[in-house]
Amino acid sequence: MVTSSVPRLVIAAPSSGSGKTTVATGLMAALAARGLAVSPHKVGPDYIDPGYHALATGRVGRNLDAYLCGPELLAPLFLHGARGCDIAVVEGVMGLYDGAAGQGELASTAQVAKVLRAPVVLVVDASSQSRSVAALVHGFVSFDPEVRIGGVILNKVASDRHEALLREALESVGVPVLGALRRAAQVATPSRHLGLVPVAERGAAAVEAVAAMAAQVFDGCDLEALVSLARGAGALPGAGWDAGAVAGGPSLPGTRPGRPVVAVAGGPAFTFSYAEHSELLAAAGADVVTFDPLRDEQLPPGTGGLVVGGGFPEVYAAELSANEGLRKEIAALAESGAPVAAECAGLLYLCRELDGRPMCGVLDATARMTERLTLGYRDAVAVSDSVLAGVGTRMRGHEFHRTVVEPGAGAAPAWGVLAPEKRVEGFVERGVHASYLHTHWASEPGVARRFVERCRTS
């Protein structure tokens, strides 16, 4: 049996807002500064935290989502990301035991820790407690015996006296304190309507914030003890995920030879993407080229397919609208029947207008900001044959936006959403597949292969 013994830790917390991102990102950066090759991971569908992880480690931040990909892919995807690394740090999501609503431990940090056989470091916001921290930690340790909590990091500690009280209280629980961090304004990262501001938009400020996180962890945590805990994780059975094995292979009959160019939108307006998507496209036979719709006035030369993922086009609506040449070229590409896949932000960009500003006009629909947050996992089935999926293809997705598109579906919808409520959603027109749903193609690698084959035949 193939096994891997990469040292690994899961950074979790009792609840959101406890300081997981600060500790996880700071730990990644501190370990990288010591010369270790650090593999960064994030539990759940979040795209923003992995950007900070990448900045801290110099490696691509990767997601581990049991709902989108299935529990069976967690270890293979983890091992894929951790190839060649000295240690892996996994940042959790929400509270340790919180997952998909009403579905037990599914998609929780606890589930990921158990699948990866990884010790958990619990980050506790100690700002308003002293002895009660012992009861809190005891509850988390005893709730699920299969989850191994190997230590605690105390966050937002007020003073040396406060730290002493917390440490004394935790002696009775038998869980070591691996760090104590004071409050620090420098590590704060600004937020807006969908969470943290992405790294790509902050430039030098993001670099400074990550450096401050690293310094805080270096000064306040026992790095040797954390590395020792990670090394005690033991062997993990199975092999790493391989894009070539799941998406590669000979071309279908009737396709043109060569590698079609697939343009993938990037830059500050389109920061939401899973690294595995581009890897799957490349494995399926495409040359993947990233472009920035804010700055590039033309698509990459020879573009035969276009992927526009998530991000914040509403923040950059004026700049996107002003790039008229690119908008017209995208409209012409779509009109030609070339494959175009758009998710969430990409859907908005393809509309006639966004908040009254002209967009690409590929879809006869308008988009606007609202006060209402749409958030959650979705079970979906393809209801129209498209460049991504045949009718009946089942996939799971995630919605996260404060916008609305009117109408919400075209004459040929992209998806039939099965849960939590039944509805149709998105657009399939010519070679265009546009939808609010973020999906993870590793769960259905045939999506990438189908897309590239359509690039060859369009």
Protein backbone atom coordinates (compact mmCIF):
# COMPACT_ATOMS: atom_id res chain seq x y z
CA MET A 1 0.00 0.00 0.00
CA VAL A 2 1.21 3.49 -0.88
CA THR A 3 1.63 5.72 2.15
CA SER A 4 2.92 9.19 2.93
CA SER A 5 4.22 10.54 6.21
CA VAL A 6 4.24 14.27 5.53
CA PRO A 7 4.13 16.10 8.89
CA ARG A 8 0.84 18.00 9.24
CA LEU A 9 -1.27 20.13 11.55
CA VAL A 10 -4.84 21.36 11.46
CA ILE A 11 -5.42 24.84 12.90
CA ALA A 12 -8.98 25.00 14.28
CA ALA A 13 -11.02 27.09 16.71
CA PRO A 14 -14.21 26.94 18.76
CA SER A 15 -15.85 29.51 16.47
CA SER A 16 -15.27 31.92 13.62
CA GLY A 17 -13.37 35.06 14.56
CA SER A 18 -11.07 33.33 17.04
CA GLY A 19 -7.92 33.99 15.02
CA LYS A 20 -7.46 30.87 12.85
CA THR A 21 -6.32 32.82 9.79
CA THR A 22 -3.81 34.86 11.79
CA VAL A 23 -2.32 31.79 13.45
CA ALA A 24 -2.39 29.53 10.39
CA THR A 25 -0.95 32.13 8.02
CA GLY A 26 1.59 33.31 10.56
CA LEU A 27 2.67 29.75 11.28
CA MET A 28 3.04 29.01 7.57
CA ALA A 29 5.18 32.11 7.09
CA ALA A 30 7.28 31.47 10.21
CA LEU A 31 8.02 27.89 9.16
CA ALA A 32 8.82 28.98 5.61
CA ALA A 33 11.21 31.59 6.99
CA ARG A 34 13.05 28.76 8.73
CA GLY A 35 13.67 27.13 5.37
CA LEU A 36 10.88 24.56 5.41
CA ALA A 37 8.80 23.85 2.33
CA VAL A 38 5.29 24.44 3.68
CA SER A 39 2.17 23.10 2.00
CA PRO A 40 -0.82 25.40 2.68
CA HIS A 41 -4.41 24.16 2.80
CA LYS A 42 -7.83 25.56 3.70
CA VAL A 43 -10.91 23.61 4.79
CA GLY A 44 -14.07 24.58 2.92
CA PRO A 45 -14.87 26.50 -0.25
CA ASP A 46 -13.24 29.81 0.72
CA TYR A 47 -11.02 31.35 -1.96
CA ILE A 48 -9.61 34.31 -0.04
CA ASP A 49 -7.61 32.71 2.79
CA PRO A 50 -5.60 30.54 0.36
CA GLY A 51 -4.33 33.74 -1.24
CA TYR A 52 -2.78 34.77 2.08
CA HIS A 53 -1.44 31.23 2.53
CA ALA A 54 0.24 31.41 -0.87
CA LEU A 55 1.84 34.71 0.06
CA ALA A 56 3.12 33.16 3.30
CA THR A 57 4.59 30.02 1.73
CA GLY A 58 5.33 30.76 -1.92
CA ARG A 59 3.17 27.78 -2.88
CA VAL A 60 -0.36 27.55 -4.24
CA GLY A 61 -3.00 27.57 -1.51
CA ARG A 62 -5.38 24.61 -1.88
CA ASN A 63 -8.85 23.84 -0.57
CA LEU A 64 -10.10 20.67 1.10
CA ASP A 65 -13.89 20.52 0.86
CA ALA A 66 -15.66 17.25 1.66
CA TYR A 67 -19.00 18.58 0.41
CA LEU A 68 -17.82 19.76 -3.00
CA CYS A 69 -15.38 16.91 -3.66
CA GLY A 70 -16.51 14.09 -1.37
CA PRO A 71 -14.61 12.79 1.69
CA GLU A 72 -12.84 10.21 -0.48
CA LEU A 73 -10.90 12.95 -2.30
CA LEU A 74 -9.69 14.81 0.80
CA ALA A 75 -6.54 12.73 1.36
CA PRO A 76 -5.60 12.44 -2.35
CA LEU A 77 -5.99 16.21 -2.87
CA PHE A 78 -4.03 16.90 0.31
CA LEU A 79 -1.21 14.61 -0.76
CA HIS A 80 -1.19 16.19 -4.22
CA GLY A 81 -0.66 19.64 -2.72
CA ALA A 82 1.87 18.42 -0.18
CA ARG A 83 4.17 16.64 -2.65
CA GLY A 84 7.78 17.50 -1.93
CA CYS A 85 6.97 19.52 1.20
CA ASP A 86 8.51 19.30 4.66
CA ILE A 87 5.31 20.11 6.53
CA ALA A 88 1.66 20.94 5.83
CA VAL A 89 -0.59 23.38 7.68
CA VAL A 90 -4.36 23.14 7.24
CA GLU A 91 -6.51 26.09 8.27
CA GLY A 92 -9.98 25.06 9.43
CA VAL A 93 -13.35 26.65 8.75
CA MET A 94 -15.84 28.12 11.24
CA GLY A 95 -15.85 26.20 14.54
CA LEU A 96 -14.07 22.85 14.74
CA TYR A 97 -17.25 20.78 14.57
CA ASP A 98 -19.28 23.06 12.25
CA GLY A 99 -19.97 21.76 8.75
CA ALA A 100 -22.69 21.61 6.11
CA ALA A 101 -25.96 22.61 7.75
CA GLY A 102 -28.00 19.66 8.96
CA GLN A 103 -25.51 17.04 7.72
CA GLY A 104 -23.55 16.13 10.81
CA GLU A 105 -19.79 16.44 10.52
CA LEU A 106 -19.79 16.66 6.70
CA ALA A 107 -17.43 19.41 5.48
CA SER A 108 -16.32 20.25 9.02
CA THR A 109 -12.76 20.80 10.14
CA ALA A 110 -13.15 17.83 12.46
CA GLN A 111 -13.96 15.56 9.53
CA VAL A 112 -10.91 16.74 7.59
CA ALA A 113 -8.67 16.22 10.64
CA LYS A 114 -9.95 12.68 11.06
CA VAL A 115 -9.58 11.78 7.37
CA LEU A 116 -6.03 13.20 7.33
CA ARG A 117 -5.18 11.62 10.69
CA ALA A 118 -3.82 15.02 11.67
CA PRO A 119 -3.45 16.53 15.13
CA VAL A 120 -5.49 19.66 15.81
CA VAL A 121 -4.23 22.88 17.37
CA LEU A 122 -7.15 24.77 18.90
CA VAL A 123 -6.94 28.58 18.68
CA VAL A 124 -8.94 30.08 21.55
CA ASP A 125 -9.99 33.71 21.79
CA ALA A 126 -9.16 34.30 25.44
CA SER A 127 -10.01 37.98 25.49
CA SER A 128 -13.00 37.71 27.85
CA GLN A 129 -12.23 34.69 30.00
CA SER A 130 -9.74 33.16 32.39
CA ARG A 131 -10.55 29.90 34.23
CA SER A 132 -13.52 29.21 31.94
CA VAL A 133 -11.04 28.45 29.16
CA ALA A 134 -10.49 25.07 30.80
CA ALA A 135 -14.17 24.14 30.50
CA LEU A 136 -14.22 25.28 26.90
CA VAL A 137 -11.17 23.29 25.88
CA HIS A 138 -12.29 20.23 27.87
CA GLY A 139 -15.59 20.25 25.97
CA PHE A 140 -13.88 20.36 22.59
CA VAL A 141 -11.41 17.63 23.57
CA SER A 142 -14.10 15.25 24.83
CA PHE A 143 -16.81 15.91 22.22
CA ASP A 144 -15.35 13.51 19.62
CA PRO A 145 -12.62 11.13 20.84
CA GLU A 146 -11.54 10.50 17.24
CA VAL A 147 -10.40 14.13 16.95
CA ARG A 148 -6.96 14.50 18.49
CA ILE A 149 -6.47 17.98 19.93
CA GLY A 150 -2.74 18.14 20.46
CA GLY A 151 -2.45 21.65 21.83
CA VAL A 152 -3.94 25.08 22.37
CA ILE A 153 -2.84 28.52 21.21
CA LEU A 154 -4.29 31.34 23.27
CA ASN A 155 -5.16 34.41 21.22
CA LYS A 156 -5.86 38.03 22.24
CA VAL A 157 -4.22 37.61 25.62
CA ALA A 158 -4.30 40.89 27.53
CA SER A 159 -1.21 40.67 29.77
CA ASP A 160 1.36 38.41 31.43
CA ARG A 161 -0.99 38.02 34.41
CA HIS A 162 -3.87 37.04 32.12
CA GLU A 163 -1.64 34.50 30.38
CA ALA A 164 -0.59 32.98 33.70
CA LEU A 165 -4.22 32.53 34.75
CA LEU A 166 -5.10 30.87 31.46
CA ARG A 167 -2.15 28.49 31.59
CA GLU A 168 -2.91 27.56 35.19
CA ALA A 169 -6.52 26.78 34.29
CA LEU A 170 -5.53 24.60 31.35
CA GLU A 171 -3.17 22.43 33.41
CA SER A 172 -6.19 20.47 34.63
CA VAL A 173 -7.27 19.63 31.07
CA GLY A 174 -4.00 17.99 30.08
CA VAL A 175 -3.70 19.80 26.75
CA PRO A 176 -0.42 21.68 26.31
CA VAL A 177 -0.41 25.40 25.62
CA LEU A 178 1.68 25.82 22.48
CA GLY A 179 1.46 29.58 22.27
CA ALA A 180 -0.02 32.80 23.63
CA LEU A 181 -0.55 35.79 21.35
CA ARG A 182 -1.19 39.35 22.44
CA ARG A 183 -3.61 41.64 20.65
CA ALA A 184 -1.91 43.19 17.61
CA ALA A 185 -3.42 45.71 15.21
CA GLN A 186 -0.76 45.03 12.56
CA VAL A 187 -2.13 41.57 11.77
CA ALA A 188 -5.65 42.80 11.07
CA THR A 189 -6.84 42.30 7.50
CA PRO A 190 -9.60 44.54 6.12
CA SER A 191 -12.98 43.08 5.28
CA ARG A 192 -15.93 44.07 3.12
CA HIS A 193 -19.21 42.56 1.87
CA LEU A 194 -17.88 39.01 1.22
CA GLY A 195 -15.14 38.76 3.86
CA LEU A 196 -11.44 39.59 3.75
CA VAL A 197 -10.06 41.73 0.96
CA PRO A 198 -8.05 39.40 -1.32
CA VAL A 199 -4.27 39.52 -1.45
CA ALA A 200 -4.28 40.58 -5.11
CA GLU A 201 -6.02 43.83 -4.21
CA ARG A 202 -3.78 44.80 -1.27
CA GLY A 203 -0.26 44.59 -2.69
CA ALA A 204 2.38 45.68 -0.20
CA ALA A 205 -0.18 45.94 2.62
CA ALA A 206 -0.86 42.21 2.35
CA VAL A 207 2.85 41.44 2.44
CA GLU A 208 3.22 43.56 5.58
CA ALA A 209 0.22 41.89 7.24
CA VAL A 210 1.58 38.40 6.60
CA ALA A 211 5.00 39.46 7.92
CA ALA A 212 3.32 40.77 11.08
CA MET A 213 1.43 37.48 11.50
CA ALA A 214 4.69 35.56 11.14
CA ALA A 215 6.42 37.75 13.71
CA GLN A 216 3.57 37.32 16.17
CA VAL A 217 3.59 33.54 15.83
CA PHE A 218 7.39 33.40 16.00
CA ASP A 219 7.42 35.45 19.21
CA GLY A 220 4.39 33.88 20.88
CA CYS A 221 4.40 30.22 19.88
CA ASP A 222 6.61 27.22 20.54
CA LEU A 223 7.56 26.40 16.95
CA GLU A 224 9.62 23.37 17.95
CA ALA A 225 6.66 21.88 19.80
CA LEU A 226 4.34 22.58 16.87
CA VAL A 227 6.72 20.92 14.40
CA SER A 228 7.12 17.95 16.76
CA LEU A 229 3.34 17.60 16.99
CA ALA A 230 3.08 17.71 13.19
CA ARG A 231 5.73 15.00 12.83
CA GLY A 232 3.70 12.74 15.11
CA ALA A 233 0.84 12.60 12.61
CA GLY A 234 2.08 9.29 11.22
CA ALA A 235 1.58 7.70 7.83
CA LEU A 236 -1.39 8.54 5.62
CA PRO A 237 -2.42 5.72 3.26
CA GLY A 238 -3.10 6.27 -0.41
CA ALA A 239 -1.59 8.16 -3.31
CA GLY A 240 -1.82 11.80 -4.27
CA TRP A 241 -4.40 13.03 -6.75
CA ASP A 242 -3.11 13.23 -10.33
CA ALA A 243 -4.77 15.52 -12.88
CA GLY A 244 -3.21 13.62 -15.75
CA ALA A 245 -4.59 10.31 -14.55
CA VAL A 246 -8.17 11.58 -14.29
CA ALA A 247 -8.39 14.06 -17.19
CA GLY A 248 -5.73 13.02 -19.69
CA GLY A 249 -5.95 10.60 -22.59
CA PRO A 250 -6.29 10.58 -26.37
CA SER A 251 -8.50 13.06 -28.19
CA LEU A 252 -11.98 12.05 -29.26
CA PRO A 253 -12.58 11.32 -32.97
CA GLY A 254 -13.15 14.40 -35.13
CA THR A 255 -11.10 16.80 -33.01
CA ARG A 256 -8.32 18.99 -34.37
CA PRO A 257 -4.72 18.20 -33.36
CA GLY A 258 -2.69 20.45 -31.11
CA ARG A 259 -3.31 22.14 -27.77
CA PRO A 260 -6.06 24.76 -27.77
CA VAL A 261 -5.44 27.95 -25.81
CA VAL A 262 -7.80 28.35 -22.85
CA ALA A 263 -7.77 31.88 -21.44
CA VAL A 264 -8.44 32.07 -17.69
CA ALA A 265 -9.43 35.41 -16.16
CA GLY A 266 -7.28 36.59 -13.27
CA GLY A 267 -6.13 39.84 -11.70
CA PRO A 268 -7.77 41.70 -8.81
CA ALA A 269 -11.33 41.42 -10.18
CA PHE A 270 -11.24 37.62 -10.64
CA THR A 271 -9.30 36.07 -7.76
CA PHE A 272 -11.57 33.10 -7.03
CA SER A 273 -10.33 29.88 -8.60
CA TYR A 274 -9.24 26.42 -7.53
CA ALA A 275 -5.74 25.49 -8.67
CA GLU A 276 -6.96 22.08 -9.75
CA HIS A 277 -9.12 23.62 -12.51
CA SER A 278 -6.15 24.88 -14.49
CA GLU A 279 -4.26 21.67 -13.77
CA LEU A 280 -7.15 19.62 -15.15
CA LEU A 281 -7.43 21.81 -18.26
CA ALA A 282 -3.71 21.41 -18.91
CA ALA A 283 -3.89 17.65 -18.32
CA ALA A 284 -6.82 17.44 -20.74
CA GLY A 285 -4.64 18.97 -23.44
CA ALA A 286 -5.02 22.75 -23.22
CA ASP A 287 -2.46 25.53 -22.99
CA VAL A 288 -3.78 27.58 -20.06
CA VAL A 289 -3.00 31.31 -20.23
CA THR A 290 -4.04 33.77 -17.52
CA PHE A 291 -5.11 37.30 -18.45
CA ASP A 292 -6.33 40.32 -16.49
CA PRO A 293 -9.61 41.88 -17.70
CA LEU A 294 -8.73 45.09 -15.88
CA ARG A 295 -5.54 45.65 -17.86
CA ASP A 296 -5.37 43.43 -20.92
CA GLU A 297 -7.16 44.93 -23.90
CA GLN A 298 -7.19 41.65 -25.83
CA LEU A 299 -7.58 37.95 -25.11
CA PRO A 300 -4.39 35.89 -25.31
CA PRO A 301 -3.40 35.09 -28.91
CA GLY A 302 -5.16 32.06 -30.32
CA THR A 303 -7.76 31.83 -27.55
CA GLY A 304 -10.11 28.95 -28.27
CA GLY A 305 -11.90 28.81 -24.92
CA LEU A 306 -12.52 31.11 -21.98
CA VAL A 307 -12.92 30.49 -18.24
CA VAL A 308 -14.05 33.36 -16.00
CA GLY A 309 -14.28 32.36 -12.36
CA GLY A 310 -15.33 34.20 -9.23
CA GLY A 311 -14.19 37.45 -7.70
CA PHE A 312 -15.33 41.02 -7.25
CA PRO A 313 -16.44 42.57 -10.56
CA GLU A 314 -18.86 44.74 -8.61
CA VAL A 315 -15.86 46.48 -7.00
CA TYR A 316 -14.23 47.04 -10.39
CA ALA A 317 -17.33 47.59 -12.52
CA ALA A 318 -16.12 50.96 -13.83
CA GLU A 319 -12.71 49.63 -14.90
CA LEU A 320 -14.16 46.48 -16.46
CA SER A 321 -16.69 48.53 -18.36
CA ALA A 322 -14.03 50.95 -19.57
CA ASN A 323 -12.08 48.10 -21.19
CA GLU A 324 -14.44 48.13 -24.16
CA GLY A 325 -12.11 46.40 -26.59
CA LEU A 326 -11.81 43.31 -24.42
CA ARG A 327 -15.55 43.23 -23.74
CA LYS A 328 -16.25 43.24 -27.47
CA GLU A 329 -13.67 40.53 -28.12
CA ILE A 330 -15.23 38.30 -25.45
CA ALA A 331 -18.67 38.88 -26.95
CA ALA A 332 -17.35 37.93 -30.37
CA LEU A 333 -15.70 34.79 -28.99
CA ALA A 334 -18.98 33.72 -27.39
CA GLU A 335 -20.93 34.53 -30.57
CA SER A 336 -18.59 32.26 -32.53
CA GLY A 337 -19.67 29.31 -30.41
CA ALA A 338 -16.34 28.88 -28.63
CA PRO A 339 -16.55 27.31 -25.16
CA VAL A 340 -17.01 29.84 -22.35
CA ALA A 341 -17.39 28.81 -18.70
CA ALA A 342 -18.36 31.49 -16.17
CA GLU A 343 -18.99 31.19 -12.43
CA CYS A 344 -20.54 33.87 -10.21
CA ALA A 345 -18.34 36.91 -10.97
CA GLY A 346 -17.91 35.56 -14.48
CA LEU A 347 -21.69 35.39 -14.82
CA LEU A 348 -21.96 39.07 -13.88
CA TYR A 349 -19.22 40.01 -16.37
CA LEU A 350 -21.06 38.29 -19.22
CA CYS A 351 -24.32 40.17 -18.54
CA ARG A 352 -25.45 43.26 -20.49
CA GLU A 353 -24.72 45.46 -17.51
CA LEU A 354 -23.64 45.41 -13.86
CA ASP A 355 -25.00 48.17 -11.63
CA GLY A 356 -25.88 50.14 -14.76
CA ARG A 357 -22.44 49.86 -16.36
CA PRO A 358 -22.03 48.01 -19.69
CA MET A 359 -20.42 44.57 -19.46
CA CYS A 360 -19.76 42.00 -22.20
CA GLY A 361 -23.36 41.62 -23.32
CA VAL A 362 -23.03 37.89 -23.94
CA LEU A 363 -26.16 37.21 -21.89
CA ASP A 364 -29.47 39.06 -22.17
CA ALA A 365 -29.51 39.74 -18.44
CA THR A 366 -28.65 42.49 -15.97
CA ALA A 367 -26.82 42.26 -12.65
CA ARG A 368 -26.87 44.49 -9.59
CA MET A 369 -25.67 44.62 -6.02
CA THR A 370 -28.14 43.96 -3.19
CA GLU A 371 -28.05 43.96 0.60
CA ARG A 372 -28.99 40.28 0.73
CA LEU A 373 -26.27 37.67 1.20
CA THR A 374 -26.77 34.40 -0.66
CA LEU A 375 -24.57 31.75 0.91
CA GLY A 376 -24.52 27.98 1.09
CA TYR A 377 -23.86 24.61 -0.47
CA ARG A 378 -26.06 23.41 -3.32
CA ASP A 379 -26.83 20.02 -4.86
CA ALA A 380 -27.34 20.44 -8.60
CA VAL A 381 -27.97 18.53 -11.81
CA ALA A 382 -27.24 19.70 -15.36
CA VAL A 383 -30.57 20.31 -17.11
CA SER A 384 -29.12 21.46 -20.46
CA ASP A 385 -26.35 19.94 -22.53
CA SER A 386 -23.34 22.27 -22.36
CA VAL A 387 -19.60 22.57 -22.89
CA LEU A 388 -19.13 21.49 -19.26
CA ALA A 389 -21.66 18.75 -18.68
CA GLY A 390 -24.21 16.51 -20.32
CA VAL A 391 -27.82 16.49 -19.16
CA GLY A 392 -28.12 14.59 -15.90
CA THR A 393 -24.60 15.26 -14.65
CA ARG A 394 -24.74 15.66 -10.86
CA MET A 395 -22.44 18.12 -9.13
CA ARG A 396 -22.28 19.96 -5.86
CA GLY A 397 -21.65 23.67 -5.72
CA HIS A 398 -21.41 26.67 -3.45
CA GLU A 399 -23.05 30.09 -3.71
CA PHE A 400 -21.57 33.21 -2.11
CA HIS A 401 -22.68 36.62 -3.38
CA ARG A 402 -24.60 39.81 -2.68
CA THR A 403 -25.77 40.34 -6.23
CA VAL A 404 -28.79 39.33 -8.27
CA VAL A 405 -29.05 38.55 -11.98
CA GLU A 406 -32.35 39.16 -13.76
CA PRO A 407 -33.58 36.86 -15.15
CA GLY A 408 -31.99 34.20 -12.97
CA ALA A 409 -32.08 31.58 -15.71
CA GLY A 410 -32.14 31.48 -19.49
CA ALA A 411 -34.34 29.50 -21.85
CA ALA A 412 -31.83 26.67 -21.38
CA PRO A 413 -30.80 26.81 -17.70
CA ALA A 414 -27.39 25.57 -16.59
CA TRP A 415 -28.44 23.76 -13.42
CA GLY A 416 -31.44 22.40 -11.68
CA VAL A 417 -30.74 23.06 -8.00
CA LEU A 418 -32.04 20.12 -5.97
CA ALA A 419 -31.19 21.25 -2.45
CA PRO A 420 -31.77 23.11 -0.25
CA GLU A 421 -34.58 24.34 -2.54
CA LYS A 422 -35.64 23.27 -6.03
CA ARG A 423 -35.15 25.81 -8.83
CA VAL A 424 -33.39 26.28 -12.14
CA GLU A 425 -30.40 28.57 -12.41
CA GLY A 426 -27.89 29.91 -14.93
CA PHE A 427 -27.57 30.05 -18.70
CA VAL A 428 -26.54 27.71 -21.51
CA GLU A 429 -26.32 29.51 -24.86
CA ARG A 430 -24.18 28.43 -27.85
CA GLY A 431 -20.89 27.46 -26.18
CA VAL A 432 -21.56 29.47 -23.01
CA HIS A 433 -22.16 27.94 -19.57
CA ALA A 434 -22.76 30.69 -16.98
CA SER A 435 -23.96 30.17 -13.42
CA TYR A 436 -23.75 31.45 -9.86
CA LEU A 437 -22.55 28.05 -8.64
CA HIS A 438 -18.89 27.60 -7.76
CA THR A 439 -17.96 23.99 -8.43
CA HIS A 440 -14.79 22.00 -7.84
CA TRP A 441 -13.85 20.17 -11.02
CA ALA A 442 -11.78 17.55 -9.18
CA SER A 443 -15.10 16.01 -8.17
CA GLU A 444 -16.04 15.58 -11.86
CA PRO A 445 -12.84 15.77 -13.94
CA GLY A 446 -14.78 14.97 -17.09
CA VAL A 447 -15.89 18.61 -17.01
CA ALA A 448 -12.38 19.78 -17.95
CA ARG A 449 -11.92 17.09 -20.56
CA ARG A 450 -15.29 17.90 -22.16
CA PHE A 451 -14.45 21.63 -22.20
CA VAL A 452 -11.08 21.09 -23.91
CA GLU A 453 -12.57 18.71 -26.47
CA ARG A 454 -15.18 21.33 -27.33
CA CYS A 455 -12.35 23.85 -27.78
CA ARG A 456 -10.84 21.51 -30.33
CA THR A 457 -14.07 21.08 -32.28
CA SER A 458 -15.57 24.60 -32.14
